[in-house]
Amino acid sequence: MDDDNQILVPPSFTALYADARQRLREPAAVVRARYELCEDLAHHLVEQAQTLYHVQAPSESGILRRIHAGLCMPESGVAPAEAGWIVTRLAELLNWPCPELVPPSEPAPAA
């Protein structure tokens, strides 16, 4: 992503759009726009996650898994891989450990 835009997309996000040779499958502008959306969404979810933690008092991992499940729904507007990135970023922002995030098509691991 070597144009004049000053937004640096982290490698963890570009990996979502890269092929086996690390070439982007989408134009850089599309990847950058998706990154901005996902980063903004992660920041927006911080307050919601904190509220859920203090009001409902479930576990941090339970909250993150519920948010992930919601983001994996087709109507969320994000791809399942993006949903995983958003929740991982949200866990970073909250300084919470990120649980294993299982895509909706896979069965959940036994606890």
N, C-alpha and C. Protein backbone atom coordinates (compact mmCIF):
# COMPACT_ATOMS: atom_id res chain seq x y z
N MET A 1 0.85 -1.17 0.00
CA MET A 1 0.00 0.00 0.00
C MET A 1 0.89 1.22 0.00
N ASP A 2 1.33 1.57 -1.16
CA ASP A 2 2.34 2.61 -1.27
C ASP A 2 1.85 3.85 -2.00
N ASP A 3 0.62 4.27 -1.75
CA ASP A 3 0.17 5.52 -2.33
C ASP A 3 0.30 6.63 -1.30
N ASP A 4 -0.32 7.76 -1.55
CA ASP A 4 -0.13 8.93 -0.70
C ASP A 4 -0.96 8.90 0.58
N ASN A 5 -1.79 7.91 0.77
CA ASN A 5 -2.61 7.86 1.97
C ASN A 5 -1.73 7.56 3.18
N GLN A 6 -2.00 8.24 4.29
CA GLN A 6 -1.17 8.10 5.48
C GLN A 6 -1.66 7.03 6.44
N ILE A 7 -2.75 6.38 6.14
CA ILE A 7 -3.26 5.32 7.00
C ILE A 7 -2.45 4.06 6.74
N LEU A 8 -1.85 3.54 7.80
CA LEU A 8 -1.07 2.32 7.69
C LEU A 8 -1.94 1.14 8.12
N VAL A 9 -2.17 0.24 7.20
CA VAL A 9 -2.98 -0.94 7.49
C VAL A 9 -2.03 -1.99 8.06
N PRO A 10 -2.32 -2.52 9.25
CA PRO A 10 -1.41 -3.49 9.86
C PRO A 10 -1.38 -4.81 9.08
N PRO A 11 -0.24 -5.49 9.16
CA PRO A 11 -0.11 -6.78 8.46
C PRO A 11 -1.19 -7.79 8.87
N SER A 12 -1.64 -7.73 10.12
CA SER A 12 -2.67 -8.68 10.56
C SER A 12 -3.96 -8.50 9.78
N PHE A 13 -4.22 -7.28 9.32
CA PHE A 13 -5.43 -7.04 8.53
C PHE A 13 -5.19 -7.34 7.06
N THR A 14 -4.05 -6.91 6.52
CA THR A 14 -3.80 -7.18 5.10
C THR A 14 -3.74 -8.69 4.84
N ALA A 15 -3.36 -9.47 5.84
CA ALA A 15 -3.33 -10.93 5.69
C ALA A 15 -4.71 -11.48 5.34
N LEU A 16 -5.77 -10.80 5.77
CA LEU A 16 -7.12 -11.25 5.47
C LEU A 16 -7.41 -11.18 3.97
N TYR A 17 -6.70 -10.29 3.28
CA TYR A 17 -6.94 -10.05 1.86
C TYR A 17 -5.77 -10.48 0.99
N ALA A 18 -4.82 -11.22 1.52
CA ALA A 18 -3.64 -11.63 0.76
C ALA A 18 -3.75 -13.08 0.33
N ASP A 19 -3.14 -13.35 -0.81
CA ASP A 19 -3.08 -14.74 -1.28
C ASP A 19 -1.83 -15.41 -0.69
N ALA A 20 -1.55 -16.62 -1.13
CA ALA A 20 -0.42 -17.38 -0.59
C ALA A 20 0.92 -16.67 -0.83
N ARG A 21 1.00 -15.86 -1.86
CA ARG A 21 2.24 -15.11 -2.15
C ARG A 21 2.24 -13.72 -1.52
N GLN A 22 1.31 -13.48 -0.66
CA GLN A 22 1.18 -12.20 0.05
C GLN A 22 0.78 -11.05 -0.87
N ARG A 23 0.15 -11.34 -2.00
CA ARG A 23 -0.37 -10.31 -2.91
C ARG A 23 -1.82 -10.06 -2.54
N LEU A 24 -2.23 -8.81 -2.56
CA LEU A 24 -3.61 -8.47 -2.23
C LEU A 24 -4.56 -8.97 -3.31
N ARG A 25 -5.68 -9.54 -2.87
CA ARG A 25 -6.71 -10.01 -3.79
C ARG A 25 -7.70 -8.89 -4.14
N GLU A 26 -7.62 -7.79 -3.41
CA GLU A 26 -8.48 -6.63 -3.63
C GLU A 26 -7.59 -5.41 -3.82
N PRO A 27 -8.10 -4.35 -4.46
CA PRO A 27 -7.31 -3.12 -4.58
C PRO A 27 -6.96 -2.55 -3.20
N ALA A 28 -5.81 -1.91 -3.11
CA ALA A 28 -5.35 -1.35 -1.84
C ALA A 28 -6.38 -0.40 -1.23
N ALA A 29 -7.06 0.37 -2.05
CA ALA A 29 -8.07 1.31 -1.53
C ALA A 29 -9.22 0.57 -0.86
N VAL A 30 -9.60 -0.58 -1.40
CA VAL A 30 -10.68 -1.38 -0.81
C VAL A 30 -10.22 -1.94 0.54
N VAL A 31 -9.01 -2.48 0.58
CA VAL A 31 -8.49 -3.03 1.83
C VAL A 31 -8.39 -1.94 2.89
N ARG A 32 -7.92 -0.77 2.49
CA ARG A 32 -7.80 0.34 3.44
C ARG A 32 -9.17 0.76 3.97
N ALA A 33 -10.16 0.84 3.09
CA ALA A 33 -11.51 1.22 3.52
C ALA A 33 -12.09 0.18 4.48
N ARG A 34 -11.88 -1.11 4.18
CA ARG A 34 -12.38 -2.17 5.07
C ARG A 34 -11.67 -2.10 6.41
N TYR A 35 -10.35 -1.83 6.38
CA TYR A 35 -9.60 -1.70 7.63
C TYR A 35 -10.15 -0.56 8.48
N GLU A 36 -10.37 0.58 7.86
CA GLU A 36 -10.90 1.73 8.61
C GLU A 36 -12.24 1.39 9.24
N LEU A 37 -13.11 0.71 8.49
CA LEU A 37 -14.41 0.30 9.02
C LEU A 37 -14.24 -0.64 10.21
N CYS A 38 -13.38 -1.65 10.06
CA CYS A 38 -13.19 -2.64 11.12
C CYS A 38 -12.53 -2.04 12.35
N GLU A 39 -11.55 -1.18 12.16
CA GLU A 39 -10.89 -0.52 13.29
C GLU A 39 -11.88 0.37 14.04
N ASP A 40 -12.67 1.14 13.29
CA ASP A 40 -13.68 2.00 13.93
C ASP A 40 -14.70 1.17 14.69
N LEU A 41 -15.11 0.06 14.11
CA LEU A 41 -16.09 -0.80 14.78
C LEU A 41 -15.51 -1.39 16.07
N ALA A 42 -14.26 -1.80 16.04
CA ALA A 42 -13.62 -2.33 17.26
C ALA A 42 -13.61 -1.27 18.36
N HIS A 43 -13.26 -0.05 18.01
CA HIS A 43 -13.25 1.04 19.00
C HIS A 43 -14.67 1.33 19.50
N HIS A 44 -15.63 1.28 18.61
CA HIS A 44 -17.02 1.54 18.99
C HIS A 44 -17.54 0.46 19.95
N LEU A 45 -17.08 -0.76 19.80
CA LEU A 45 -17.56 -1.87 20.63
C LEU A 45 -16.94 -1.90 22.03
N VAL A 46 -15.90 -1.11 22.27
CA VAL A 46 -15.25 -1.11 23.59
C VAL A 46 -16.26 -0.77 24.68
N GLU A 47 -16.99 0.31 24.51
CA GLU A 47 -17.95 0.72 25.55
C GLU A 47 -19.05 -0.31 25.74
N GLN A 48 -19.53 -0.88 24.63
CA GLN A 48 -20.58 -1.90 24.74
C GLN A 48 -20.07 -3.12 25.50
N ALA A 49 -18.86 -3.56 25.21
CA ALA A 49 -18.30 -4.73 25.90
C ALA A 49 -18.11 -4.44 27.39
N GLN A 50 -17.62 -3.25 27.71
CA GLN A 50 -17.43 -2.89 29.12
C GLN A 50 -18.77 -2.84 29.85
N THR A 51 -19.78 -2.30 29.19
CA THR A 51 -21.12 -2.24 29.80
C THR A 51 -21.65 -3.65 30.05
N LEU A 52 -21.52 -4.52 29.07
CA LEU A 52 -21.97 -5.90 29.25
C LEU A 52 -21.24 -6.56 30.41
N TYR A 53 -19.97 -6.30 30.53
CA TYR A 53 -19.17 -6.91 31.59
C TYR A 53 -19.64 -6.44 32.96
N HIS A 54 -19.95 -5.15 33.09
CA HIS A 54 -20.33 -4.62 34.40
C HIS A 54 -21.81 -4.84 34.73
N VAL A 55 -22.65 -4.93 33.72
CA VAL A 55 -24.09 -5.10 33.97
C VAL A 55 -24.46 -6.57 34.09
N GLN A 56 -24.00 -7.38 33.15
CA GLN A 56 -24.40 -8.78 33.15
C GLN A 56 -23.38 -9.68 33.83
N ALA A 57 -22.18 -9.18 34.03
CA ALA A 57 -21.09 -9.88 34.72
C ALA A 57 -20.77 -11.27 34.19
N PRO A 58 -20.91 -11.50 32.86
CA PRO A 58 -20.40 -12.78 32.35
C PRO A 58 -18.89 -12.67 32.20
N SER A 59 -18.28 -13.69 31.70
CA SER A 59 -16.83 -13.68 31.54
C SER A 59 -16.44 -12.80 30.35
N GLU A 60 -15.20 -12.34 30.39
CA GLU A 60 -14.68 -11.56 29.27
C GLU A 60 -14.74 -12.37 27.98
N SER A 61 -14.33 -13.63 28.06
CA SER A 61 -14.34 -14.48 26.86
C SER A 61 -15.77 -14.70 26.35
N GLY A 62 -16.73 -14.81 27.27
CA GLY A 62 -18.12 -14.97 26.86
C GLY A 62 -18.64 -13.76 26.10
N ILE A 63 -18.28 -12.59 26.56
CA ILE A 63 -18.70 -11.35 25.89
C ILE A 63 -18.07 -11.29 24.50
N LEU A 64 -16.79 -11.58 24.41
CA LEU A 64 -16.11 -11.52 23.12
C LEU A 64 -16.68 -12.55 22.15
N ARG A 65 -17.00 -13.74 22.65
CA ARG A 65 -17.60 -14.76 21.77
C ARG A 65 -18.99 -14.33 21.29
N ARG A 66 -19.77 -13.71 22.16
CA ARG A 66 -21.11 -13.25 21.76
C ARG A 66 -21.00 -12.15 20.70
N ILE A 67 -20.07 -11.23 20.89
CA ILE A 67 -19.87 -10.16 19.90
C ILE A 67 -19.42 -10.78 18.58
N HIS A 68 -18.51 -11.74 18.65
CA HIS A 68 -18.04 -12.41 17.44
C HIS A 68 -19.20 -13.09 16.71
N ALA A 69 -20.04 -13.79 17.44
CA ALA A 69 -21.19 -14.47 16.83
C ALA A 69 -22.09 -13.46 16.12
N GLY A 70 -22.32 -12.33 16.74
CA GLY A 70 -23.14 -11.29 16.12
C GLY A 70 -22.51 -10.73 14.87
N LEU A 71 -21.20 -10.52 14.91
CA LEU A 71 -20.51 -9.99 13.74
C LEU A 71 -20.43 -10.99 12.60
N CYS A 72 -20.53 -12.28 12.90
CA CYS A 72 -20.49 -13.32 11.86
C CYS A 72 -21.82 -13.46 11.13
N MET A 73 -22.85 -12.81 11.62
CA MET A 73 -24.15 -12.87 10.95
C MET A 73 -24.05 -12.12 9.61
N PRO A 74 -24.68 -12.64 8.56
CA PRO A 74 -24.59 -11.98 7.25
C PRO A 74 -25.01 -10.51 7.26
N GLU A 75 -25.98 -10.17 8.08
CA GLU A 75 -26.47 -8.79 8.09
C GLU A 75 -25.55 -7.81 8.81
N SER A 76 -24.46 -8.30 9.39
CA SER A 76 -23.53 -7.40 10.09
C SER A 76 -22.75 -6.52 9.13
N GLY A 77 -22.57 -6.99 7.90
CA GLY A 77 -21.82 -6.20 6.93
C GLY A 77 -20.33 -6.46 6.93
N VAL A 78 -19.87 -7.39 7.76
CA VAL A 78 -18.45 -7.75 7.75
C VAL A 78 -18.31 -9.24 7.45
N ALA A 79 -17.21 -9.59 6.82
CA ALA A 79 -16.92 -11.00 6.52
C ALA A 79 -16.51 -11.71 7.81
N PRO A 80 -16.69 -13.03 7.88
CA PRO A 80 -16.28 -13.76 9.08
C PRO A 80 -14.81 -13.54 9.46
N ALA A 81 -13.92 -13.46 8.48
CA ALA A 81 -12.51 -13.21 8.80
C ALA A 81 -12.34 -11.82 9.42
N GLU A 82 -13.08 -10.85 8.90
CA GLU A 82 -13.04 -9.50 9.48
C GLU A 82 -13.61 -9.51 10.89
N ALA A 83 -14.66 -10.30 11.11
CA ALA A 83 -15.25 -10.40 12.45
C ALA A 83 -14.22 -10.89 13.45
N GLY A 84 -13.45 -11.90 13.06
CA GLY A 84 -12.40 -12.39 13.94
C GLY A 84 -11.36 -11.33 14.23
N TRP A 85 -10.98 -10.56 13.20
CA TRP A 85 -10.00 -9.50 13.39
C TRP A 85 -10.55 -8.42 14.32
N ILE A 86 -11.81 -8.04 14.12
CA ILE A 86 -12.43 -7.00 14.96
C ILE A 86 -12.44 -7.43 16.42
N VAL A 87 -12.83 -8.65 16.70
CA VAL A 87 -12.91 -9.12 18.09
C VAL A 87 -11.51 -9.25 18.69
N THR A 88 -10.55 -9.69 17.90
CA THR A 88 -9.17 -9.75 18.39
C THR A 88 -8.68 -8.35 18.73
N ARG A 89 -8.98 -7.40 17.87
CA ARG A 89 -8.59 -6.00 18.12
C ARG A 89 -9.34 -5.45 19.34
N LEU A 90 -10.61 -5.78 19.47
CA LEU A 90 -11.39 -5.36 20.63
C LEU A 90 -10.77 -5.89 21.91
N ALA A 91 -10.37 -7.15 21.91
CA ALA A 91 -9.72 -7.73 23.09
C ALA A 91 -8.44 -6.97 23.42
N GLU A 92 -7.67 -6.60 22.40
CA GLU A 92 -6.46 -5.79 22.61
C GLU A 92 -6.80 -4.46 23.27
N LEU A 93 -7.81 -3.78 22.73
CA LEU A 93 -8.20 -2.47 23.25
C LEU A 93 -8.66 -2.55 24.70
N LEU A 94 -9.33 -3.65 25.05
CA LEU A 94 -9.83 -3.85 26.41
C LEU A 94 -8.78 -4.44 27.34
N ASN A 95 -7.68 -4.91 26.75
CA ASN A 95 -6.65 -5.61 27.51
C ASN A 95 -7.22 -6.89 28.15
N TRP A 96 -8.07 -7.58 27.36
CA TRP A 96 -8.65 -8.85 27.76
C TRP A 96 -7.99 -9.95 26.94
N PRO A 97 -7.86 -11.15 27.49
CA PRO A 97 -7.37 -12.25 26.66
C PRO A 97 -8.42 -12.60 25.61
N CYS A 98 -7.97 -12.87 24.41
CA CYS A 98 -8.91 -13.21 23.35
C CYS A 98 -9.11 -14.72 23.31
N PRO A 99 -10.36 -15.16 23.39
CA PRO A 99 -10.60 -16.61 23.33
C PRO A 99 -10.45 -17.12 21.90
N GLU A 100 -10.45 -18.42 21.75
CA GLU A 100 -10.47 -18.99 20.41
C GLU A 100 -11.80 -18.63 19.78
N LEU A 101 -11.74 -18.07 18.59
CA LEU A 101 -12.95 -17.64 17.89
C LEU A 101 -13.23 -18.63 16.78
N VAL A 102 -14.34 -19.31 16.88
CA VAL A 102 -14.71 -20.34 15.92
C VAL A 102 -15.66 -19.75 14.90
N PRO A 103 -15.31 -19.82 13.60
CA PRO A 103 -16.24 -19.34 12.58
C PRO A 103 -17.56 -20.09 12.67
N PRO A 104 -18.66 -19.45 12.28
CA PRO A 104 -19.98 -20.04 12.47
C PRO A 104 -20.19 -21.38 11.79
N SER A 105 -19.45 -21.68 10.74
CA SER A 105 -19.65 -22.95 10.03
C SER A 105 -18.98 -24.12 10.74
N GLU A 106 -18.11 -23.82 11.70
CA GLU A 106 -17.41 -24.90 12.41
C GLU A 106 -18.08 -25.15 13.75
N PRO A 107 -18.08 -26.39 14.21
CA PRO A 107 -18.65 -26.66 15.53
C PRO A 107 -17.74 -26.07 16.62
N ALA A 108 -18.35 -25.64 17.70
CA ALA A 108 -17.60 -25.07 18.83
C ALA A 108 -16.79 -26.17 19.51
N PRO A 109 -15.56 -25.85 19.95
CA PRO A 109 -14.76 -26.86 20.64
C PRO A 109 -15.36 -27.16 22.00
N ALA A 110 -15.13 -28.37 22.48
CA ALA A 110 -15.62 -28.75 23.81
C ALA A 110 -14.87 -27.95 24.86
N ALA A 111 -15.59 -27.46 25.83
CA ALA A 111 -14.97 -26.60 26.85
C ALA A 111 -14.31 -27.36 27.90
